[in-house]
Each structure stands twice: as C-alpha cells, then as structure tokens.
Amino acid sequence: MYMEFIKKGLIIFIGSIFIAIGIHGLLVPYGLLEGGALGISLVVHYLIGARVGFTFLMISLPIFMLAWVYFRTFFYNGLHGMLLSSFIIDIIAAADWFNEPIVSNATMSAMIGGLFIGVGAGIMLRVSISIGGTDLLAQMLAKKLQMNAGIMIFCFDIFIVTIGSFIIPTAYLHLSFITVFTIGVTTSVIVWTARQKESVTNEIRV
C-alpha cells in the first residue's frame, strides 16, 4: 500500500512535469491554446497574466465539489493529480526556464506541445489518475448520459479552443486544433497500450 502510494506520487510528479513543459515551453511562447480547463487557464493568462496553474486550480475546485457529491470515485482519482499538477505548472513558470521558445516553428510547437501534454496526461491515466478540470466534468456528464467519455472530452476541448481563439485573436484556431488532436491521440495510445499489456499479463497468469 505504501509503495503504491509512492509510485502514484512519482507518476503524478513526472506527468505534471511533462504537462508544464508542454504549456510553458511550447504553447505559451506562441500564444497557443489547448482544450479543457488548462485551455481556459491559458486564455486568462494571455488576457490578464494570471498564473496558469492557479487559474486551473480555481476552475477545477467547483468541479471537484460536484464530484464529491455525485461521483466520489472521480473525486478520489483526480484530487491529488489536480493539486500537484497545478503547483508544478506554476513552479516551472516561476523558474523562468523558457526565455526562448524550445521550437522555432509555431506548427511544430503546437504538435510537440500536444505530445508533451498527452504523455503527461496519459501516464497518469494509466494508473487511473486524472488532473480533473473540465475533463472531469465531461467524464461525469458522459457517465450520466451513458456516452463515450473520450468523445465528450473531445467536444469540450473543441468548444473551448474555438471560443478561446475568438477571445485571443493571436491564438490561431488551426494550431490549437493540432494541439488538441495530438493530445487526444497521444493520451489514447498510451492508455490503450497499457490496457493491452495488462490484458496480456492477465492471460499469461491464467
């Protein structure tokens, strides 16, 4: 039990580092957006300079209160991921590691940023941890409506980047779509491979 706690804590830490680098090292330098609560947090950051992690935390807290009342499992599986990732996102921003863009091309930055964020989210989802935000809201809504959670999250993401691109004219919509698509594919592949590995392991044991 103790080792499992340490393992999950380490996975959250590593996943949060990937997400933070994707945001501050690849999306922010070009004013790009992504979906979910992080996308809303980026819009607020571009508008008033608020910290992305703190804004993400403020957006996520009411959603977690809702999860506590109606979907307690989602609450427990996401709370620690949300708290640690919010903290690490802002710590990396405060460290000012990215004075210059990591990638010199905005399109490549959108793709690689999506890859980093997708890896971070994916390795956490492999151990049933979500960082929450609007993804958590989409999961709860999908469960309530008996819909595919992945489709619901994708719809939320597309809606957020579309609205965000109107609010932030420099956040080109097609680049944000690239980021959202890359995140979705990367996350899905990581989670799928983990389930395939688990399935093979169970068959061997049998």
Foldseek 3Di string as FASTA:
>chain_A
DVVVVVVLVVLLLQLLLLLLCLVVQQCVVQLAAWFFQLRVLSLVCVPPNDQSLVSSLVQFVVVLVVCVVPPVVLNVQAVVSQVNSSVVSRVVVVVVPHPDHPDPDNLVSLLVSLLSNLVSQQSSVLVSHHNGTVLSVLQVVCVVVVHDSLVSRLVRGLVSLVVSCVSVVSHDSVSNVSSHVNSSVSNVVSNVVSVVVVVVVVVVVD
